[in-house]
PDB file of N, CA and C in Angstrom:
ATOM      1  N   UNK A   1      16.470   7.882  -6.094  1.00  0.00           N
ATOM      2  CA  UNK A   1      15.120   7.427  -5.771  1.00  0.00           C
ATOM      3  C   UNK A   1      15.068   5.893  -5.817  1.00  0.00           C
ATOM      4  N   UNK A   2      14.310   5.333  -4.900  1.00  0.00           N
ATOM      5  CA  UNK A   2      14.179   3.878  -4.846  1.00  0.00           C
ATOM      6  C   UNK A   2      13.464   3.363  -6.093  1.00  0.00           C
ATOM      7  N   UNK A   3      13.952   2.276  -6.627  1.00  0.00           N
ATOM      8  CA  UNK A   3      13.299   1.684  -7.793  1.00  0.00           C
ATOM      9  C   UNK A   3      12.727   0.317  -7.469  1.00  0.00           C
ATOM     10  N   UNK A   4      13.258  -0.338  -6.451  1.00  0.00           N
ATOM     11  CA  UNK A   4      12.781  -1.649  -6.045  1.00  0.00           C
ATOM     12  C   UNK A   4      11.850  -1.459  -4.854  1.00  0.00           C
ATOM     13  N   UNK A   5      10.768  -2.225  -4.794  1.00  0.00           N
ATOM     14  CA  UNK A   5       9.790  -2.048  -3.725  1.00  0.00           C
ATOM     15  C   UNK A   5      10.410  -2.168  -2.337  1.00  0.00           C
ATOM     16  N   UNK A   6      11.348  -3.079  -2.161  1.00  0.00           N
ATOM     17  CA  UNK A   6      11.955  -3.279  -0.847  1.00  0.00           C
ATOM     18  C   UNK A   6      12.743  -2.054  -0.395  1.00  0.00           C
ATOM     19  N   UNK A   7      13.122  -1.199  -1.330  1.00  0.00           N
ATOM     20  CA  UNK A   7      13.879   0.006  -0.994  1.00  0.00           C
ATOM     21  C   UNK A   7      12.985   1.141  -0.530  1.00  0.00           C
ATOM     22  N   UNK A   8      11.674   0.997  -0.697  1.00  0.00           N
ATOM     23  CA  UNK A   8      10.752   2.071  -0.335  1.00  0.00           C
ATOM     24  C   UNK A   8      10.541   2.154   1.169  1.00  0.00           C
ATOM     25  N   UNK A   9      10.340   3.369   1.634  1.00  0.00           N
ATOM     26  CA  UNK A   9      10.029   3.597   3.040  1.00  0.00           C
ATOM     27  C   UNK A   9       8.773   2.824   3.401  1.00  0.00           C
ATOM     28  N   UNK A  10       8.744   2.223   4.565  1.00  0.00           N
ATOM     29  CA  UNK A  10       7.593   1.511   5.141  1.00  0.00           C
ATOM     30  C   UNK A  10       7.409   0.075   4.668  1.00  0.00           C
ATOM     31  N   UNK A  11       8.006  -0.314   3.557  1.00  0.00           N
ATOM     32  CA  UNK A  11       7.752  -1.652   3.025  1.00  0.00           C
ATOM     33  C   UNK A  11       8.876  -2.601   3.406  1.00  0.00           C
ATOM     34  N   UNK A  12       8.489  -3.691   4.050  1.00  0.00           N
ATOM     35  CA  UNK A  12       9.449  -4.717   4.428  1.00  0.00           C
ATOM     36  C   UNK A  12       9.274  -5.957   3.578  1.00  0.00           C
ATOM     37  N   UNK A  13       9.980  -6.981   3.948  1.00  0.00           N
ATOM     38  CA  UNK A  13       9.993  -8.215   3.161  1.00  0.00           C
ATOM     39  C   UNK A  13       8.595  -8.802   2.999  1.00  0.00           C
ATOM     40  N   UNK A  14       7.834  -8.887   4.070  1.00  0.00           N
ATOM     41  CA  UNK A  14       6.507  -9.502   3.991  1.00  0.00           C
ATOM     42  C   UNK A  14       5.560  -8.678   3.134  1.00  0.00           C
ATOM     43  N   UNK A  15       5.527  -7.377   3.330  1.00  0.00           N
ATOM     44  CA  UNK A  15       4.616  -6.558   2.527  1.00  0.00           C
ATOM     45  C   UNK A  15       4.986  -6.597   1.051  1.00  0.00           C
ATOM     46  N   UNK A  16       6.271  -6.645   0.747  1.00  0.00           N
ATOM     47  CA  UNK A  16       6.706  -6.751  -0.651  1.00  0.00           C
ATOM     48  C   UNK A  16       6.299  -8.113  -1.218  1.00  0.00           C
ATOM     49  N   UNK A  17       6.424  -9.164  -0.434  1.00  0.00           N
ATOM     50  CA  UNK A  17       5.995 -10.488  -0.895  1.00  0.00           C
ATOM     51  C   UNK A  17       4.492 -10.498  -1.177  1.00  0.00           C
ATOM     52  N   UNK A  18       3.704  -9.866  -0.315  1.00  0.00           N
ATOM     53  CA  UNK A  18       2.262  -9.778  -0.547  1.00  0.00           C
ATOM     54  C   UNK A  18       1.965  -9.022  -1.838  1.00  0.00           C
ATOM     55  N   UNK A  19       2.636  -7.907  -2.038  1.00  0.00           N
ATOM     56  CA  UNK A  19       2.421  -7.123  -3.262  1.00  0.00           C
ATOM     57  C   UNK A  19       2.806  -7.946  -4.491  1.00  0.00           C
ATOM     58  N   UNK A  20       3.930  -8.629  -4.412  1.00  0.00           N
ATOM     59  CA  UNK A  20       4.361  -9.485  -5.525  1.00  0.00           C
ATOM     60  C   UNK A  20       3.320 -10.558  -5.815  1.00  0.00           C
ATOM     61  N   UNK A  21       2.723 -11.115  -4.777  1.00  0.00           N
ATOM     62  CA  UNK A  21       1.738 -12.192  -4.936  1.00  0.00           C
ATOM     63  C   UNK A  21       0.488 -11.733  -5.674  1.00  0.00           C
ATOM     64  N   UNK A  22       0.208 -10.431  -5.628  1.00  0.00           N
ATOM     65  CA  UNK A  22      -0.970  -9.912  -6.340  1.00  0.00           C
ATOM     66  C   UNK A  22      -0.573  -9.215  -7.638  1.00  0.00           C
ATOM     67  N   UNK A  23       0.669  -9.439  -8.078  1.00  0.00           N
ATOM     68  CA  UNK A  23       1.108  -8.934  -9.372  1.00  0.00           C
ATOM     69  C   UNK A  23       1.727  -7.561  -9.368  1.00  0.00           C
ATOM     70  N   UNK A  24       1.999  -7.006  -8.205  1.00  0.00           N
ATOM     71  CA  UNK A  24       2.646  -5.691  -8.118  1.00  0.00           C
ATOM     72  C   UNK A  24       4.102  -5.932  -7.762  1.00  0.00           C
ATOM     73  N   UNK A  25       4.965  -5.778  -8.769  1.00  0.00           N
ATOM     74  CA  UNK A  25       6.374  -6.123  -8.596  1.00  0.00           C
ATOM     75  C   UNK A  25       7.321  -4.948  -8.788  1.00  0.00           C
ATOM     76  N   UNK A  26       6.802  -3.844  -9.303  1.00  0.00           N
ATOM     77  CA  UNK A  26       7.659  -2.696  -9.565  1.00  0.00           C
ATOM     78  C   UNK A  26       7.040  -1.435  -8.975  1.00  0.00           C
ATOM     79  N   UNK A  27       7.881  -0.432  -8.809  1.00  0.00           N
ATOM     80  CA  UNK A  27       7.396   0.858  -8.334  1.00  0.00           C
ATOM     81  C   UNK A  27       6.364   1.431  -9.295  1.00  0.00           C
ATOM     82  N   UNK A  28       6.601   1.258 -10.582  1.00  0.00           N
ATOM     83  CA  UNK A  28       5.655   1.745 -11.584  1.00  0.00           C
ATOM     84  C   UNK A  28       4.287   1.077 -11.419  1.00  0.00           C
ATOM     85  N   UNK A  29       4.285  -0.228 -11.203  1.00  0.00           N
ATOM     86  CA  UNK A  29       3.017  -0.940 -11.006  1.00  0.00           C
ATOM     87  C   UNK A  29       2.328  -0.486  -9.727  1.00  0.00           C
ATOM     88  N   UNK A  30       3.100  -0.203  -8.688  1.00  0.00           N
ATOM     89  CA  UNK A  30       2.519   0.275  -7.441  1.00  0.00           C
ATOM     90  C   UNK A  30       1.907   1.653  -7.637  1.00  0.00           C
ATOM     91  N   UNK A  31       2.597   2.527  -8.361  1.00  0.00           N
ATOM     92  CA  UNK A  31       2.043   3.856  -8.650  1.00  0.00           C
ATOM     93  C   UNK A  31       0.762   3.741  -9.474  1.00  0.00           C
ATOM     94  N   UNK A  32       0.764   2.859 -10.457  1.00  0.00           N
ATOM     95  CA  UNK A  32      -0.426   2.686 -11.301  1.00  0.00           C
ATOM     96  C   UNK A  32      -1.618   2.203 -10.491  1.00  0.00           C
ATOM     97  N   UNK A  33      -1.383   1.282  -9.577  1.00  0.00           N
ATOM     98  CA  UNK A  33      -2.470   0.736  -8.759  1.00  0.00           C
ATOM     99  C   UNK A  33      -2.917   1.745  -7.711  1.00  0.00           C
ATOM    100  N   UNK A  34      -1.971   2.382  -7.082  1.00  0.00           N
ATOM    101  CA  UNK A  34      -2.275   3.272  -5.970  1.00  0.00           C
ATOM    102  C   UNK A  34      -2.414   2.466  -4.688  1.00  0.00           C
ATOM    103  N   UNK A  35      -2.371   3.159  -3.582  1.00  0.00           N
ATOM    104  CA  UNK A  35      -2.377   2.503  -2.277  1.00  0.00           C
ATOM    105  C   UNK A  35      -3.653   1.718  -2.023  1.00  0.00           C
ATOM    106  N   UNK A  36      -4.789   2.297  -2.344  1.00  0.00           N
ATOM    107  CA  UNK A  36      -6.067   1.651  -2.031  1.00  0.00           C
ATOM    108  C   UNK A  36      -6.233   0.353  -2.817  1.00  0.00           C
ATOM    109  N   UNK A  37      -6.001   0.387  -4.108  1.00  0.00           N
ATOM    110  CA  UNK A  37      -6.155  -0.807  -4.934  1.00  0.00           C
ATOM    111  C   UNK A  37      -5.134  -1.869  -4.523  1.00  0.00           C
ATOM    112  N   UNK A  38      -3.889  -1.460  -4.311  1.00  0.00           N
ATOM    113  CA  UNK A  38      -2.863  -2.422  -3.904  1.00  0.00           C
ATOM    114  C   UNK A  38      -3.247  -3.085  -2.583  1.00  0.00           C
ATOM    115  N   UNK A  39      -3.671  -2.285  -1.617  1.00  0.00           N
ATOM    116  CA  UNK A  39      -4.086  -2.819  -0.316  1.00  0.00           C
ATOM    117  C   UNK A  39      -5.260  -3.787  -0.466  1.00  0.00           C
ATOM    118  N   UNK A  40      -6.262  -3.393  -1.232  1.00  0.00           N
ATOM    119  CA  UNK A  40      -7.451  -4.234  -1.400  1.00  0.00           C
ATOM    120  C   UNK A  40      -7.120  -5.544  -2.107  1.00  0.00           C
ATOM    121  N   UNK A  41      -6.216  -5.494  -3.072  1.00  0.00           N
ATOM    122  CA  UNK A  41      -5.810  -6.723  -3.750  1.00  0.00           C
ATOM    123  C   UNK A  41      -5.143  -7.681  -2.772  1.00  0.00           C
ATOM    124  N   UNK A  42      -4.287  -7.153  -1.919  1.00  0.00           N
ATOM    125  CA  UNK A  42      -3.605  -7.994  -0.929  1.00  0.00           C
ATOM    126  C   UNK A  42      -4.631  -8.551   0.054  1.00  0.00           C
ATOM    127  N   UNK A  43      -5.490  -7.696   0.568  1.00  0.00           N
ATOM    128  CA  UNK A  43      -6.517  -8.124   1.520  1.00  0.00           C
ATOM    129  C   UNK A  43      -7.432  -9.172   0.903  1.00  0.00           C
ATOM    130  N   UNK A  44      -7.869  -8.919  -0.329  1.00  0.00           N
ATOM    131  CA  UNK A  44      -8.804  -9.826  -0.991  1.00  0.00           C
ATOM    132  C   UNK A  44      -8.164 -11.141  -1.398  1.00  0.00           C
ATOM    133  N   UNK A  45      -6.863 -11.168  -1.447  1.00  0.00           N
ATOM    134  CA  UNK A  45      -6.123 -12.407  -1.742  1.00  0.00           C
ATOM    135  C   UNK A  45      -6.124 -13.330  -0.522  1.00  0.00           C
ATOM    136  N   UNK A  46      -6.536 -12.794   0.614  1.00  0.00           N
ATOM    137  CA  UNK A  46      -6.650 -13.616   1.809  1.00  0.00           C
ATOM    138  C   UNK A  46      -5.563 -13.415   2.841  1.00  0.00           C
ATOM    139  N   UNK A  47      -4.652 -12.496   2.567  1.00  0.00           N
ATOM    140  CA  UNK A  47      -3.612 -12.209   3.550  1.00  0.00           C
ATOM    141  C   UNK A  47      -4.226 -11.432   4.708  1.00  0.00           C
ATOM    142  N   UNK A  48      -3.807 -11.743   5.922  1.00  0.00           N
ATOM    143  CA  UNK A  48      -4.326 -11.063   7.101  1.00  0.00           C
ATOM    144  C   UNK A  48      -3.566  -9.747   7.264  1.00  0.00           C
ATOM    145  N   UNK A  49      -4.217  -8.665   6.899  1.00  0.00           N
ATOM    146  CA  UNK A  49      -3.574  -7.355   6.917  1.00  0.00           C
ATOM    147  C   UNK A  49      -4.358  -6.407   7.829  1.00  0.00           C
ATOM    148  N   UNK A  50      -3.683  -5.367   8.249  1.00  0.00           N
ATOM    149  CA  UNK A  50      -4.339  -4.321   9.026  1.00  0.00           C
ATOM    150  C   UNK A  50      -4.289  -3.030   8.222  1.00  0.00           C
ATOM    151  N   UNK A  51      -4.955  -2.024   8.723  1.00  0.00           N
ATOM    152  CA  UNK A  51      -4.962  -0.741   8.018  1.00  0.00           C
ATOM    153  C   UNK A  51      -3.579  -0.108   7.980  1.00  0.00           C
ATOM    154  N   UNK A  52      -2.671  -0.561   8.834  1.00  0.00           N
ATOM    155  CA  UNK A  52      -1.307  -0.038   8.795  1.00  0.00           C
ATOM    156  C   UNK A  52      -0.661  -0.332   7.448  1.00  0.00           C
ATOM    157  N   UNK A  53      -0.987  -1.474   6.841  1.00  0.00           N
ATOM    158  CA  UNK A  53      -0.442  -1.762   5.509  1.00  0.00           C
ATOM    159  C   UNK A  53      -0.919  -0.711   4.510  1.00  0.00           C
ATOM    160  N   UNK A  54      -2.164  -0.338   4.584  1.00  0.00           N
ATOM    161  CA  UNK A  54      -2.698   0.711   3.709  1.00  0.00           C
ATOM    162  C   UNK A  54      -1.902   1.998   3.878  1.00  0.00           C
ATOM    163  N   UNK A  55      -1.697   2.401   5.119  1.00  0.00           N
ATOM    164  CA  UNK A  55      -0.947   3.629   5.385  1.00  0.00           C
ATOM    165  C   UNK A  55       0.515   3.487   4.954  1.00  0.00           C
ATOM    166  N   UNK A  56       1.075   2.298   5.147  1.00  0.00           N
ATOM    167  CA  UNK A  56       2.467   2.072   4.762  1.00  0.00           C
ATOM    168  C   UNK A  56       2.645   2.190   3.253  1.00  0.00           C
ATOM    169  N   UNK A  57       1.709   1.624   2.499  1.00  0.00           N
ATOM    170  CA  UNK A  57       1.796   1.715   1.037  1.00  0.00           C
ATOM    171  C   UNK A  57       1.654   3.168   0.600  1.00  0.00           C
ATOM    172  N   UNK A  58       0.684   3.867   1.164  1.00  0.00           N
ATOM    173  CA  UNK A  58       0.505   5.287   0.816  1.00  0.00           C
ATOM    174  C   UNK A  58       1.764   6.071   1.154  1.00  0.00           C
ATOM    175  N   UNK A  59       2.304   5.834   2.332  1.00  0.00           N
ATOM    176  CA  UNK A  59       3.535   6.522   2.714  1.00  0.00           C
ATOM    177  C   UNK A  59       4.684   6.199   1.778  1.00  0.00           C
ATOM    178  N   UNK A  60       4.775   4.943   1.365  1.00  0.00           N
ATOM    179  CA  UNK A  60       5.829   4.548   0.426  1.00  0.00           C
ATOM    180  C   UNK A  60       5.696   5.316  -0.887  1.00  0.00           C
ATOM    181  N   UNK A  61       4.471   5.506  -1.320  1.00  0.00           N
ATOM    182  CA  UNK A  61       4.245   6.212  -2.593  1.00  0.00           C
ATOM    183  C   UNK A  61       4.558   7.701  -2.511  1.00  0.00           C
ATOM    184  N   UNK A  62       4.382   8.279  -1.333  1.00  0.00           N
ATOM    185  CA  UNK A  62       4.636   9.727  -1.215  1.00  0.00           C
ATOM    186  C   UNK A  62       5.943  10.042  -0.492  1.00  0.00           C
ATOM    187  N   UNK A  63       6.666   8.980  -0.093  1.00  0.00           N
ATOM    188  CA  UNK A  63       7.968   9.180   0.541  1.00  0.00           C
ATOM    189  C   UNK A  63       7.901   9.639   1.982  1.00  0.00           C
ATOM    190  N   UNK A  64       6.862   9.214   2.699  1.00  0.00           N
ATOM    191  CA  UNK A  64       6.703   9.605   4.098  1.00  0.00           C
ATOM    192  C   UNK A  64       6.518   8.368   4.964  1.00  0.00           C
ATOM    193  N   UNK A  65       6.910   8.479   6.226  1.00  0.00           N
ATOM    194  CA  UNK A  65       6.628   7.391   7.159  1.00  0.00           C
ATOM    195  C   UNK A  65       5.122   7.352   7.362  1.00  0.00           C
ATOM    196  N   UNK A  66       4.566   6.155   7.497  1.00  0.00           N
ATOM    197  CA  UNK A  66       3.109   6.042   7.595  1.00  0.00           C
ATOM    198  C   UNK A  66       2.549   6.790   8.797  1.00  0.00           C
ATOM    199  N   UNK A  67       3.321   6.947   9.850  1.00  0.00           N
ATOM    200  CA  UNK A  67       2.860   7.698  11.019  1.00  0.00           C
ATOM    201  C   UNK A  67       2.728   9.193  10.748  1.00  0.00           C
ATOM    202  N   UNK A  68       3.338   9.657   9.674  1.00  0.00           N
ATOM    203  CA  UNK A  68       3.290  11.075   9.340  1.00  0.00           C
ATOM    204  C   UNK A  68       2.016  11.470   8.596  1.00  0.00           C
ATOM    205  N   UNK A  69       1.237  10.491   8.153  1.00  0.00           N
ATOM    206  CA  UNK A  69      -0.017  10.816   7.464  1.00  0.00           C
ATOM    207  C   UNK A  69      -0.982  11.396   8.482  1.00  0.00           C
ATOM    208  N   UNK A  70      -1.617  12.515   8.136  1.00  0.00           N
ATOM    209  CA  UNK A  70      -2.541  13.117   9.095  1.00  0.00           C
ATOM    210  C   UNK A  70      -3.867  12.352   9.124  1.00  0.00           C
ATOM    211  N   UNK A  71      -4.658  12.636  10.128  1.00  0.00           N
ATOM    212  CA  UNK A  71      -5.922  11.914  10.349  1.00  0.00           C
ATOM    213  C   UNK A  71      -6.856  12.000   9.147  1.00  0.00           C
ATOM    214  N   UNK A  72      -6.928  13.157   8.530  1.00  0.00           N
ATOM    215  CA  UNK A  72      -7.809  13.327   7.377  1.00  0.00           C
ATOM    216  C   UNK A  72      -7.366  12.453   6.209  1.00  0.00           C
ATOM    217  N   UNK A  73      -6.073  12.387   6.012  1.00  0.00           N
ATOM    218  CA  UNK A  73      -5.520  11.561   4.932  1.00  0.00           C
ATOM    219  C   UNK A  73      -5.857  10.088   5.189  1.00  0.00           C
ATOM    220  N   UNK A  74      -5.663   9.643   6.418  1.00  0.00           N
ATOM    221  CA  UNK A  74      -5.972   8.259   6.776  1.00  0.00           C
ATOM    222  C   UNK A  74      -7.464   7.977   6.612  1.00  0.00           C
ATOM    223  N   UNK A  75      -8.297   8.899   7.025  1.00  0.00           N
ATOM    224  CA  UNK A  75      -9.748   8.714   6.902  1.00  0.00           C
ATOM    225  C   UNK A  75     -10.172   8.627   5.440  1.00  0.00           C
ATOM    226  N   UNK A  76      -9.561   9.447   4.590  1.00  0.00           N
ATOM    227  CA  UNK A  76      -9.872   9.398   3.154  1.00  0.00           C
ATOM    228  C   UNK A  76      -9.513   8.036   2.584  1.00  0.00           C
ATOM    229  N   UNK A  77      -8.347   7.533   2.951  1.00  0.00           N
ATOM    230  CA  UNK A  77      -7.921   6.214   2.477  1.00  0.00           C
ATOM    231  C   UNK A  77      -8.894   5.131   2.937  1.00  0.00           C
ATOM    232  N   UNK A  78      -9.277   5.163   4.202  1.00  0.00           N
ATOM    233  CA  UNK A  78     -10.218   4.170   4.734  1.00  0.00           C
ATOM    234  C   UNK A  78     -11.563   4.246   4.040  1.00  0.00           C
ATOM    235  N   UNK A  79     -12.003   5.454   3.727  1.00  0.00           N
ATOM    236  CA  UNK A  79     -13.265   5.633   2.998  1.00  0.00           C
ATOM    237  C   UNK A  79     -13.172   5.038   1.602  1.00  0.00           C
ATOM    238  N   UNK A  80     -12.042   5.248   0.938  1.00  0.00           N
ATOM    239  CA  UNK A  80     -11.841   4.687  -0.401  1.00  0.00           C
ATOM    240  C   UNK A  80     -11.814   3.158  -0.354  1.00  0.00           C
ATOM    241  N   UNK A  81     -11.206   2.600   0.686  1.00  0.00           N
ATOM    242  CA  UNK A  81     -11.185   1.143   0.846  1.00  0.00           C
ATOM    243  C   UNK A  81     -12.609   0.629   1.032  1.00  0.00           C
ATOM    244  N   UNK A  82     -13.376   1.306   1.848  1.00  0.00           N
ATOM    245  CA  UNK A  82     -14.759   0.913   2.107  1.00  0.00           C
ATOM    246  C   UNK A  82     -15.584   0.905   0.824  1.00  0.00           C
ATOM    247  N   UNK A  83     -15.311   1.841  -0.062  1.00  0.00           N
ATOM    248  CA  UNK A  83     -16.063   1.979  -1.303  1.00  0.00           C
ATOM    249  C   UNK A  83     -15.452   1.227  -2.480  1.00  0.00           C
ATOM    250  N   UNK A  84     -14.362   0.530  -2.246  1.00  0.00           N
ATOM    251  CA  UNK A  84     -13.651  -0.187  -3.323  1.00  0.00           C
ATOM    252  C   UNK A  84     -14.546  -1.270  -3.914  1.00  0.00           C
ATOM    253  N   UNK A  85     -14.615  -1.292  -5.210  1.00  0.00           N
ATOM    254  CA  UNK A  85     -15.481  -2.239  -5.924  1.00  0.00           C
ATOM    255  C   UNK A  85     -14.668  -3.189  -6.811  1.00  0.00           C
ATOM    256  N   UNK A  86     -13.454  -3.551  -6.386  1.00  0.00           N
ATOM    257  CA  UNK A  86     -12.525  -4.395  -7.127  1.00  0.00           C
ATOM    258  C   UNK A  86     -13.147  -5.398  -7.962  1.00  0.00           C
TER     259      UNK A  86
END
């Protein structure tokens, strides 16, 4: 199993740098935050991100390519982002 963020499915150098910039440096920290919180922290830090980053983080956490998330799963994530009160 991947232990370093760069080893996770969907996450590349830039997304890992963004996560590191908001204090998420380990797989454990990413699991603790969850996809929605991690995405919102990156977005709120001022990085120009799209919803694909949200799906990529979620996919990384569950071991799936972000394109494999079904529509309902994506909609739930977007709803959680909308309601995020960071």
